[in-house]
N, C-alpha and C. Protein backbone atom coordinates (compact mmCIF):
# COMPACT_ATOMS: atom_id res chain seq x y z
N MET A 1 40.44 45.28 46.23
CA MET A 1 39.06 45.65 46.45
C MET A 1 39.22 45.35 48.60
N ALA A 2 38.68 45.58 49.39
CA ALA A 2 38.82 45.53 51.16
C ALA A 2 37.91 44.09 50.53
N LYS A 3 38.12 43.76 51.90
CA LYS A 3 37.13 42.27 51.84
C LYS A 3 35.83 43.15 52.45
N ARG A 4 34.59 41.96 52.28
CA ARG A 4 33.58 42.87 52.25
C ARG A 4 32.84 41.97 53.53
N SER A 5 32.98 41.12 53.94
CA SER A 5 32.76 40.73 55.13
C SER A 5 33.58 40.36 56.40
N ILE A 6 33.12 39.74 57.30
CA ILE A 6 34.45 39.58 59.04
C ILE A 6 33.59 38.35 59.09
N THR A 7 33.48 37.40 59.84
CA THR A 7 33.48 36.26 60.11
C THR A 7 34.22 36.32 61.64
N PHE A 8 33.51 35.83 63.11
CA PHE A 8 33.55 35.65 64.23
C PHE A 8 33.00 35.15 65.03
N TYR A 9 33.17 34.86 65.96
CA TYR A 9 32.75 33.96 67.35
C TYR A 9 32.72 34.74 68.59
N ALA A 10 31.43 34.71 68.38
CA ALA A 10 31.29 35.75 70.13
C ALA A 10 30.59 35.48 70.67
N SER A 11 29.85 35.48 72.05
CA SER A 11 29.38 35.56 73.07
C SER A 11 28.25 36.63 72.90
N ARG A 12 27.35 36.75 73.11
CA ARG A 12 26.29 38.01 73.30
C ARG A 12 26.97 39.42 74.04
N ASP A 13 27.72 38.83 75.43
CA ASP A 13 28.45 40.29 75.90
C ASP A 13 29.83 40.32 75.30
N ASP A 14 30.30 39.32 74.48
CA ASP A 14 31.47 39.96 73.81
C ASP A 14 31.18 40.96 72.52
N LEU A 15 29.98 40.48 71.63
CA LEU A 15 29.66 41.35 70.93
C LEU A 15 28.89 42.72 71.27
N THR A 16 28.27 42.60 72.40
CA THR A 16 27.29 44.27 72.51
C THR A 16 28.40 44.73 72.96
N ASP A 17 29.37 44.32 74.14
CA ASP A 17 30.05 44.95 74.33
C ASP A 17 31.10 45.60 73.39
N LEU A 18 31.09 45.22 72.29
CA LEU A 18 31.92 45.65 71.25
C LEU A 18 31.35 46.83 70.49
N ILE A 19 30.29 46.55 70.09
CA ILE A 19 29.23 47.08 69.45
C ILE A 19 29.26 48.38 70.08
N LEU A 20 29.02 48.14 71.86
CA LEU A 20 28.45 49.23 72.17
C LEU A 20 29.59 50.49 72.50
N SER A 21 31.02 50.05 72.85
CA SER A 21 31.74 50.29 73.11
C SER A 21 32.61 51.56 71.53
N ASP A 22 32.66 50.29 70.59
CA ASP A 22 33.68 51.45 69.63
C ASP A 22 32.97 50.88 68.50
N VAL A 23 31.31 50.71 68.06
CA VAL A 23 30.63 50.80 66.68
C VAL A 23 29.70 52.52 67.25
N LYS A 24 30.41 53.12 67.22
CA LYS A 24 29.61 54.82 67.83
C LYS A 24 29.51 55.33 65.75
N ASP A 25 30.19 55.25 65.44
CA ASP A 25 30.46 56.08 64.08
C ASP A 25 28.80 55.51 63.40
N GLY A 26 28.52 56.50 62.85
CA GLY A 26 27.47 55.43 61.77
C GLY A 26 26.31 55.26 62.84
N ARG A 27 26.06 55.34 63.82
CA ARG A 27 24.99 55.07 64.62
C ARG A 27 24.07 54.24 64.25
N PRO A 28 23.86 53.08 63.89
CA PRO A 28 23.28 52.13 62.98
C PRO A 28 22.05 52.14 63.68
N LYS A 29 20.60 51.87 62.94
CA LYS A 29 19.58 50.91 63.82
C LYS A 29 19.83 49.92 63.25
N TYR A 30 19.02 49.16 64.41
CA TYR A 30 18.93 47.12 63.64
C TYR A 30 17.84 47.32 63.27
N ALA A 31 17.26 46.72 62.28
CA ALA A 31 16.35 45.89 60.71
C ALA A 31 15.91 44.81 61.39
N LEU A 32 14.74 43.89 61.48
CA LEU A 32 14.61 42.51 61.69
C LEU A 32 13.72 42.35 60.97
N GLY A 33 13.73 41.71 59.92
CA GLY A 33 12.36 41.49 59.02
C GLY A 33 11.70 40.34 59.84
N LEU A 34 10.41 40.73 59.48
CA LEU A 34 9.56 39.55 60.33
C LEU A 34 9.28 38.68 59.54
N ASP A 35 8.52 37.39 59.81
CA ASP A 35 7.63 36.23 58.98
C ASP A 35 6.36 36.76 58.30
N ASP A 36 5.82 37.25 58.69
CA ASP A 36 4.28 37.69 58.46
C ASP A 36 4.11 38.56 58.19
N GLU A 37 2.91 39.61 57.65
CA GLU A 37 2.73 40.52 57.02
C GLU A 37 3.26 42.16 57.88
N ARG A 38 3.39 41.61 59.06
CA ARG A 38 4.02 42.90 59.54
C ARG A 38 4.96 43.81 58.90
N LEU A 39 5.49 45.10 59.41
CA LEU A 39 6.07 45.93 58.80
C LEU A 39 7.76 44.99 59.22
N PRO A 40 8.88 45.43 59.45
CA PRO A 40 10.11 44.85 59.83
C PRO A 40 10.04 45.64 61.15
N MET A 41 10.50 45.25 62.06
CA MET A 41 10.68 46.11 63.32
C MET A 41 12.05 46.23 64.00
N VAL A 42 12.17 47.33 63.69
CA VAL A 42 13.55 48.82 64.52
C VAL A 42 13.96 48.79 65.51
N PHE A 43 15.31 48.62 65.73
CA PHE A 43 15.58 48.90 66.77
C PHE A 43 16.43 50.10 67.07
N ASP A 44 16.92 50.71 68.11
CA ASP A 44 18.24 51.70 68.34
C ASP A 44 19.58 50.86 68.69
N SER A 45 19.15 50.04 69.42
CA SER A 45 20.16 49.09 70.31
C SER A 45 20.36 48.13 70.61
N VAL A 46 21.11 47.52 70.15
CA VAL A 46 21.02 46.17 70.65
C VAL A 46 20.67 45.45 72.02
N LEU A 47 20.84 46.16 72.83
CA LEU A 47 19.95 46.15 73.99
C LEU A 47 18.67 46.13 73.70
N ASP A 48 18.14 46.39 73.08
CA ASP A 48 16.59 46.32 72.63
C ASP A 48 16.04 45.99 72.18
N ILE A 49 17.21 44.52 71.81
CA ILE A 49 16.54 43.45 70.45
C ILE A 49 16.36 41.49 71.50
N PRO A 50 15.46 41.70 71.55
CA PRO A 50 14.98 40.29 72.16
C PRO A 50 16.05 39.17 71.73
N GLY A 51 16.81 38.25 72.53
CA GLY A 51 16.94 37.33 72.52
C GLY A 51 18.16 37.42 71.29
N PHE A 52 18.83 38.65 71.35
CA PHE A 52 19.92 39.66 70.34
C PHE A 52 20.99 38.33 70.38
N SER A 53 21.71 37.68 70.10
CA SER A 53 23.36 36.50 69.88
C SER A 53 22.70 35.45 71.16
N GLU A 54 21.71 35.22 70.95
CA GLU A 54 20.95 33.60 71.76
C GLU A 54 20.79 32.94 70.25
N PRO A 55 21.56 31.98 70.18
CA PRO A 55 20.93 31.02 68.95
C PRO A 55 20.16 30.17 69.41
N LYS A 56 18.96 29.83 69.12
CA LYS A 56 17.86 29.12 68.85
C LYS A 56 17.90 27.55 67.96
N SER A 57 18.60 27.52 66.92
CA SER A 57 18.62 26.54 66.81
C SER A 57 20.45 25.77 66.55
N GLY A 58 21.47 26.29 66.55
CA GLY A 58 22.61 26.20 66.30
C GLY A 58 22.66 26.08 65.13
N ASP A 59 22.54 26.89 64.30
CA ASP A 59 22.71 26.26 62.76
C ASP A 59 22.64 27.86 62.23
N GLN A 60 23.27 28.75 61.57
CA GLN A 60 24.03 30.30 61.08
C GLN A 60 22.84 30.55 60.34
N ALA A 61 22.46 29.35 59.42
CA ALA A 61 21.79 29.35 58.39
C ALA A 61 20.06 30.01 58.88
N HIS A 62 20.24 29.33 60.18
CA HIS A 62 18.80 29.47 60.62
C HIS A 62 18.42 30.81 62.17
N GLU A 63 19.47 31.37 62.12
CA GLU A 63 19.23 32.31 63.04
C GLU A 63 18.85 33.85 62.63
N ALA A 64 18.89 33.86 63.83
CA ALA A 64 18.40 36.05 63.17
C ALA A 64 18.76 36.57 62.24
N LYS A 65 18.67 37.35 61.39
CA LYS A 65 19.92 38.33 60.57
C LYS A 65 19.43 40.04 60.56
N TYR A 66 20.16 40.46 60.75
CA TYR A 66 19.71 41.94 60.77
C TYR A 66 20.37 42.78 59.87
N LEU A 67 19.66 43.09 59.31
CA LEU A 67 20.64 44.74 59.00
C LEU A 67 20.60 46.06 59.21
N LEU A 68 22.15 46.39 59.57
CA LEU A 68 21.77 47.88 60.03
C LEU A 68 21.79 48.70 59.35
N ILE A 69 21.23 50.03 59.54
CA ILE A 69 20.86 50.93 58.44
C ILE A 69 21.07 51.81 59.31
N PRO A 70 21.42 53.65 57.85
CA PRO A 70 21.06 55.16 59.26
C PRO A 70 20.43 55.06 59.72
N VAL A 71 20.74 56.22 60.99
CA VAL A 71 19.20 56.25 61.80
C VAL A 71 18.85 56.89 61.17
N ASP A 72 18.89 57.42 60.23
CA ASP A 72 17.55 58.28 59.42
C ASP A 72 17.07 58.10 58.28
N SER A 73 17.32 56.08 58.14
CA SER A 73 16.50 55.60 57.02
C SER A 73 15.69 54.91 57.86
N VAL A 74 14.70 54.78 56.99
CA VAL A 74 13.51 53.48 56.92
C VAL A 74 13.78 52.71 56.13
N PRO A 75 13.32 51.30 57.20
CA PRO A 75 13.82 49.68 56.03
C PRO A 75 13.04 49.70 54.88
N VAL A 76 13.34 49.13 53.65
CA VAL A 76 12.46 48.49 53.00
C VAL A 76 12.05 47.33 52.89
N PRO A 77 10.89 46.96 52.87
CA PRO A 77 10.76 45.54 53.02
C PRO A 77 10.28 45.30 51.45
N ARG A 78 10.59 43.90 51.37
CA ARG A 78 10.35 42.90 50.09
C ARG A 78 8.87 42.28 50.25
N PRO A 79 8.05 42.15 50.11
CA PRO A 79 7.03 41.26 50.45
C PRO A 79 7.26 40.05 49.11
N PHE A 80 7.00 39.12 49.84
CA PHE A 80 7.21 37.72 49.17
C PHE A 80 5.86 36.70 49.41
N VAL A 81 5.02 36.50 48.27
CA VAL A 81 3.85 35.64 48.09
C VAL A 81 4.30 34.17 48.90
N MET A 82 3.91 33.55 49.36
CA MET A 82 4.14 31.95 50.12
C MET A 82 3.08 31.12 49.00
N ASN A 83 3.16 29.96 49.15
CA ASN A 83 1.94 29.34 48.33
C ASN A 83 1.06 29.23 49.00
N ASP A 84 0.46 28.89 50.11
CA ASP A 84 -0.21 29.01 51.03
C ASP A 84 -0.93 30.41 50.80
N GLY A 85 -0.31 31.51 49.87
CA GLY A 85 -0.84 32.72 49.98
C GLY A 85 -0.53 33.71 51.04
N ARG A 86 -0.10 33.09 52.26
CA ARG A 86 0.77 34.64 53.35
C ARG A 86 1.71 35.15 52.41
N ILE A 87 1.76 36.94 53.40
CA ILE A 87 2.76 37.52 52.82
C ILE A 87 3.46 37.10 53.41
N LYS A 88 4.84 37.19 53.65
CA LYS A 88 6.57 37.43 54.23
C LYS A 88 6.89 38.59 53.99
N ASN A 89 6.96 39.53 54.59
CA ASN A 89 8.20 40.73 54.60
C ASN A 89 9.33 40.06 54.51
N PHE A 90 10.42 40.28 53.69
CA PHE A 90 11.70 39.92 54.11
C PHE A 90 12.39 41.12 53.76
N LEU A 91 13.71 41.80 54.67
CA LEU A 91 14.84 42.06 53.97
C LEU A 91 15.90 42.04 53.26
N HIS A 92 16.20 42.79 52.79
CA HIS A 92 17.91 42.71 51.51
C HIS A 92 18.26 43.37 52.01
N SER A 93 19.67 43.86 51.63
CA SER A 93 20.54 44.57 51.81
C SER A 93 20.36 45.07 50.59
N VAL A 94 20.30 44.99 49.51
CA VAL A 94 19.68 44.82 47.71
C VAL A 94 18.71 46.23 48.07
N ASP A 95 17.82 45.78 48.14
CA ASP A 95 16.41 46.80 48.42
C ASP A 95 16.75 47.93 49.76
N GLN A 96 17.80 48.07 50.36
CA GLN A 96 17.95 49.95 51.08
C GLN A 96 18.98 50.18 50.16
N SER A 97 19.24 51.92 50.49
CA SER A 97 20.19 52.43 49.92
C SER A 97 21.55 52.00 50.70
N SER A 98 21.08 52.34 52.07
CA SER A 98 22.75 51.83 52.71
C SER A 98 22.63 50.79 53.89
N SER A 99 23.16 49.56 54.12
CA SER A 99 22.82 48.73 55.21
C SER A 99 24.44 47.11 55.01
N VAL A 100 23.92 47.35 56.26
CA VAL A 100 25.22 46.09 56.18
C VAL A 100 24.39 45.17 57.67
N ARG A 101 24.63 43.75 56.69
CA ARG A 101 24.11 42.48 57.16
C ARG A 101 24.67 41.78 58.37
N LEU A 102 24.24 41.90 59.56
CA LEU A 102 24.44 41.32 61.08
C LEU A 102 24.15 40.23 61.25
N ILE A 103 24.71 38.69 61.13
CA ILE A 103 24.47 37.66 61.76
C ILE A 103 25.01 37.06 63.15
N PRO A 104 24.33 37.85 64.01
CA PRO A 104 25.54 37.62 65.65
C PRO A 104 25.78 36.39 66.22
N GLY A 105 25.54 35.07 65.86
CA GLY A 105 26.30 34.04 66.22
C GLY A 105 25.74 34.14 67.11
N GLY A 106 26.65 33.20 68.38
CA GLY A 106 26.57 33.34 69.70
C GLY A 106 26.45 31.98 70.17
N VAL A 107 26.63 31.94 71.58
CA VAL A 107 26.75 30.96 72.40
C VAL A 107 25.56 30.02 71.84
N TYR A 108 25.79 28.66 71.93
CA TYR A 108 24.13 27.91 71.42
C TYR A 108 24.41 26.44 72.92
N MET A 109 24.25 26.70 73.82
CA MET A 109 24.74 25.85 75.24
C MET A 109 24.43 24.69 74.97
N PRO A 110 22.74 24.07 74.70
CA PRO A 110 22.15 22.22 74.00
C PRO A 110 23.97 21.42 73.66
N GLY A 111 24.21 22.37 72.50
CA GLY A 111 25.31 22.01 72.14
C GLY A 111 26.80 22.01 72.44
N LYS A 112 26.71 22.74 72.64
CA LYS A 112 27.89 23.14 73.24
C LYS A 112 28.59 23.66 72.18
N LEU A 113 28.57 24.89 71.46
CA LEU A 113 28.79 25.10 70.18
C LEU A 113 28.70 26.40 70.36
N VAL A 114 29.84 27.69 69.83
CA VAL A 114 29.42 28.65 69.49
C VAL A 114 29.76 29.09 68.22
N VAL A 115 28.36 29.44 67.87
CA VAL A 115 28.00 29.44 66.45
C VAL A 115 28.41 30.36 65.57
N ALA A 116 29.04 31.04 64.52
CA ALA A 116 30.16 31.73 64.09
C ALA A 116 28.65 32.68 63.56
N GLY A 117 29.29 34.24 63.76
CA GLY A 117 28.78 35.46 63.42
C GLY A 117 29.37 35.65 62.52
N GLU A 118 28.80 36.88 61.32
CA GLU A 118 28.86 37.47 60.27
C GLU A 118 28.55 38.42 60.11
N ILE A 119 29.23 39.77 59.76
CA ILE A 119 28.58 40.82 59.35
C ILE A 119 29.44 41.13 57.71
N ASN A 120 28.61 41.87 56.80
CA ASN A 120 29.08 42.15 55.34
C ASN A 120 28.01 43.20 55.20
N VAL A 121 28.82 43.40 53.37
CA VAL A 121 28.09 44.35 52.94
C VAL A 121 28.18 43.59 51.72
N MET A 122 26.91 44.19 50.85
CA MET A 122 26.60 44.38 49.57
C MET A 122 26.98 44.93 48.39
N LYS A 123 26.61 46.43 48.99
CA LYS A 123 26.75 47.44 47.89
C LYS A 123 27.84 48.26 48.00
N ALA A 124 28.24 48.91 47.71
CA ALA A 124 29.76 49.76 47.56
C ALA A 124 29.20 51.46 48.02
N ASP A 125 28.10 51.47 48.59
CA ASP A 125 28.09 52.98 49.16
C ASP A 125 29.36 53.21 50.44
N THR A 126 29.12 54.63 50.53
CA THR A 126 30.37 54.96 51.51
C THR A 126 29.98 55.07 53.03
N TRP A 127 28.22 54.65 53.14
CA TRP A 127 28.29 54.46 54.60
C TRP A 127 28.14 53.34 55.31
N SER A 128 28.27 52.46 54.59
CA SER A 128 27.91 50.96 54.55
C SER A 128 29.57 50.66 54.97
N HIS A 129 30.53 50.26 53.77
CA HIS A 129 31.65 49.99 54.02
C HIS A 129 32.59 51.33 55.03
N ASP A 130 31.99 52.60 55.63
CA ASP A 130 32.91 52.90 56.55
C ASP A 130 32.67 52.34 57.45
N LEU A 131 31.33 51.63 58.12
CA LEU A 131 30.94 51.00 58.75
C LEU A 131 31.67 49.36 58.62
N LEU A 132 31.22 48.91 58.14
CA LEU A 132 32.51 47.52 57.84
C LEU A 132 33.51 48.44 58.15
N LYS A 133 34.18 48.90 57.62
CA LYS A 133 35.46 49.03 58.60
C LYS A 133 35.80 49.50 59.86
N THR A 134 34.58 49.89 60.45
CA THR A 134 34.40 50.58 62.23
C THR A 134 34.89 49.04 62.93
N PHE A 135 33.80 48.31 62.36
CA PHE A 135 33.84 47.15 63.29
C PHE A 135 34.67 46.45 62.47
N ARG A 136 35.63 46.24 61.91
CA ARG A 136 36.89 45.52 61.42
C ARG A 136 37.58 45.71 62.43
N ARG A 137 37.89 47.18 62.55
CA ARG A 137 38.89 48.30 63.58
C ARG A 137 38.32 47.45 65.01
N ALA A 138 37.31 47.90 65.29
CA ALA A 138 36.62 47.34 66.48
C ALA A 138 37.40 45.39 66.95
N PHE A 139 36.95 45.15 65.90
CA PHE A 139 36.92 43.34 66.09
C PHE A 139 38.92 43.32 66.56
N ALA A 140 39.19 43.72 65.44
CA ALA A 140 40.59 43.76 65.47
C ALA A 140 41.59 44.29 67.30
N LYS A 141 40.82 45.10 67.53
CA LYS A 141 41.11 46.00 68.96
C LYS A 141 40.97 44.78 69.91
N ARG A 142 39.79 44.49 70.06
CA ARG A 142 38.74 43.77 71.17
C ARG A 142 38.99 42.04 70.80
N PHE A 143 39.13 41.81 69.53
CA PHE A 143 39.06 40.06 70.09
C PHE A 143 40.21 39.76 69.72
N ARG A 144 40.56 37.97 69.61
CA ARG A 144 41.99 37.75 68.93
C ARG A 144 41.81 36.73 67.83
N LYS A 145 42.52 36.63 67.01
CA LYS A 145 42.52 35.80 66.14
C LYS A 145 42.88 34.67 65.74
N ILE A 146 42.46 33.88 65.67
CA ILE A 146 42.76 32.42 65.42
C ILE A 146 42.45 31.93 63.97
N ASN A 147 43.41 31.62 63.23
CA ASN A 147 43.48 31.28 62.10
C ASN A 147 42.91 31.98 60.95
N GLY A 148 43.44 33.43 61.58
CA GLY A 148 42.20 34.55 60.13
C GLY A 148 40.66 34.58 61.03
N VAL A 149 40.33 34.30 62.11
CA VAL A 149 39.07 34.62 62.58
C VAL A 149 39.04 34.98 63.69
N TYR A 150 37.76 36.17 63.92
CA TYR A 150 37.89 36.62 65.08
C TYR A 150 37.49 35.81 66.07
N VAL A 151 38.25 36.18 68.10
CA VAL A 151 37.49 35.39 68.28
C VAL A 151 36.93 35.99 69.99
N GLY A 152 36.16 36.38 70.25
CA GLY A 152 35.80 37.26 71.45
C GLY A 152 36.33 36.51 72.77
N ALA A 153 36.71 37.06 73.98
CA ALA A 153 37.02 36.85 75.07
C ALA A 153 36.53 35.58 75.85
N GLN A 154 34.88 35.85 75.74
CA GLN A 154 34.01 34.55 76.26
C GLN A 154 33.65 33.78 75.57
N ALA A 155 33.71 33.95 74.35
CA ALA A 155 33.51 32.92 73.36
C ALA A 155 35.32 31.67 73.25
N TYR A 156 36.01 32.55 73.84
CA TYR A 156 37.40 31.64 73.53
C TYR A 156 37.24 30.62 74.74
N GLU A 157 36.95 31.67 76.06
CA GLU A 157 37.15 30.46 77.44
C GLU A 157 35.78 29.60 76.89
N LYS A 158 34.93 29.87 76.28
CA LYS A 158 33.87 28.29 75.77
C LYS A 158 35.03 27.55 75.41
N PHE A 159 35.31 27.74 74.64
CA PHE A 159 36.34 27.33 73.11
C PHE A 159 37.26 26.36 73.92
N LYS A 160 38.45 26.68 75.06
CA LYS A 160 39.00 26.30 75.92
C LYS A 160 38.26 25.01 76.80
N GLN A 161 36.83 25.04 76.81
CA GLN A 161 35.70 24.84 78.04
C GLN A 161 35.48 23.63 77.13
N GLY A 162 36.19 23.27 75.60
CA GLY A 162 35.67 22.04 74.98
C GLY A 162 34.35 22.27 73.90
N TYR A 163 33.96 23.35 74.13
CA TYR A 163 32.90 23.82 73.18
C TYR A 163 33.27 24.25 71.13
N ARG A 164 32.74 23.50 70.75
CA ARG A 164 32.82 23.94 68.92
C ARG A 164 32.95 25.42 68.66
N LEU A 165 33.94 25.93 67.62
CA LEU A 165 33.95 26.91 67.25
C LEU A 165 33.78 26.68 65.56
N ASN A 166 31.95 26.92 65.08
CA ASN A 166 31.35 26.34 63.80
C ASN A 166 30.47 27.09 63.90
N ALA A 167 29.73 26.92 62.43
CA ALA A 167 28.47 27.72 61.90
C ALA A 167 27.63 26.68 62.28
N SER A 168 27.42 25.25 62.26
CA SER A 168 26.49 24.64 62.86
C SER A 168 26.63 23.61 63.41
N ILE A 169 25.44 23.22 64.76
CA ILE A 169 26.15 22.04 64.93
C ILE A 169 26.37 20.73 64.94
N THR A 170 25.33 21.11 63.06
CA THR A 170 25.45 19.63 62.21
C THR A 170 26.94 19.35 61.28
N ALA A 171 27.92 20.52 61.23
CA ALA A 171 28.31 20.13 60.22
C ALA A 171 29.72 19.57 61.26
N PRO A 172 30.48 18.99 60.32
CA PRO A 172 31.41 17.56 60.70
C PRO A 172 32.52 18.39 61.74
N LEU A 173 32.87 17.88 62.58
CA LEU A 173 33.82 18.07 62.99
C LEU A 173 35.39 18.75 62.66
N PHE A 174 35.43 18.30 61.61
CA PHE A 174 36.88 18.34 61.14
C PHE A 174 36.31 20.02 60.86
N THR A 175 35.12 20.64 60.27
CA THR A 175 35.50 21.60 59.69
C THR A 175 35.21 22.96 61.20
N ASP A 176 35.40 22.68 62.23
CA ASP A 176 35.52 23.12 63.35
C ASP A 176 36.74 24.01 63.52
N LEU A 177 36.62 25.57 63.80
CA LEU A 177 37.73 26.70 64.22
C LEU A 177 38.76 26.06 65.29
N VAL A 178 40.29 25.24 64.66
CA VAL A 178 41.10 25.03 65.77
C VAL A 178 41.91 25.77 65.75
N GLU A 179 42.88 26.06 66.80
CA GLU A 179 43.71 26.92 67.28
C GLU A 179 45.31 25.99 66.76
N LYS A 180 45.72 26.28 65.64
CA LYS A 180 47.32 26.04 65.47
C LYS A 180 48.03 25.47 66.64
N ALA A 181 48.82 24.19 66.78
CA ALA A 181 50.07 24.72 68.22
C ALA A 181 50.78 25.42 67.55
N THR A 182 51.63 26.07 68.58
CA THR A 182 52.88 26.58 68.59
C THR A 182 53.98 25.81 69.11
């Protein structure tokens, strides 16, 4: 079975260039679930998404996550009632007919960190797996690979300038991605 996820390190420009140049097949829309009663926001391009691939917390677990969905589909939110009675609308891959989850990561300036990004599928449908394959080919073509992880050109420059490559600013240093000496 093919791997169902890709981990990468990229600046905003690394990732948007890859998506705009090489991920044309499948032409996904980008859906973002909101933390209130409103319906999810849907964008036609990564360029339309405010703050795309600009980490706010320095921790992948707390950064924006997007579902890439087919152009002709509408995101299906999952309402969740909070303890205080508020409703939050969550988007989850399992509620969509086809989707790929994207956590863009990016450069977190205050901590000199490039936050890991990830793209994955949770369903076995053809559209989702084809889009993941398209991403995999694009990463292989445009990014360098360090210890099995894709690293974009600008992220690599930051790495050479002393930025950490990790999923979280609070992670121990020994978990950073490092380049093996040759």
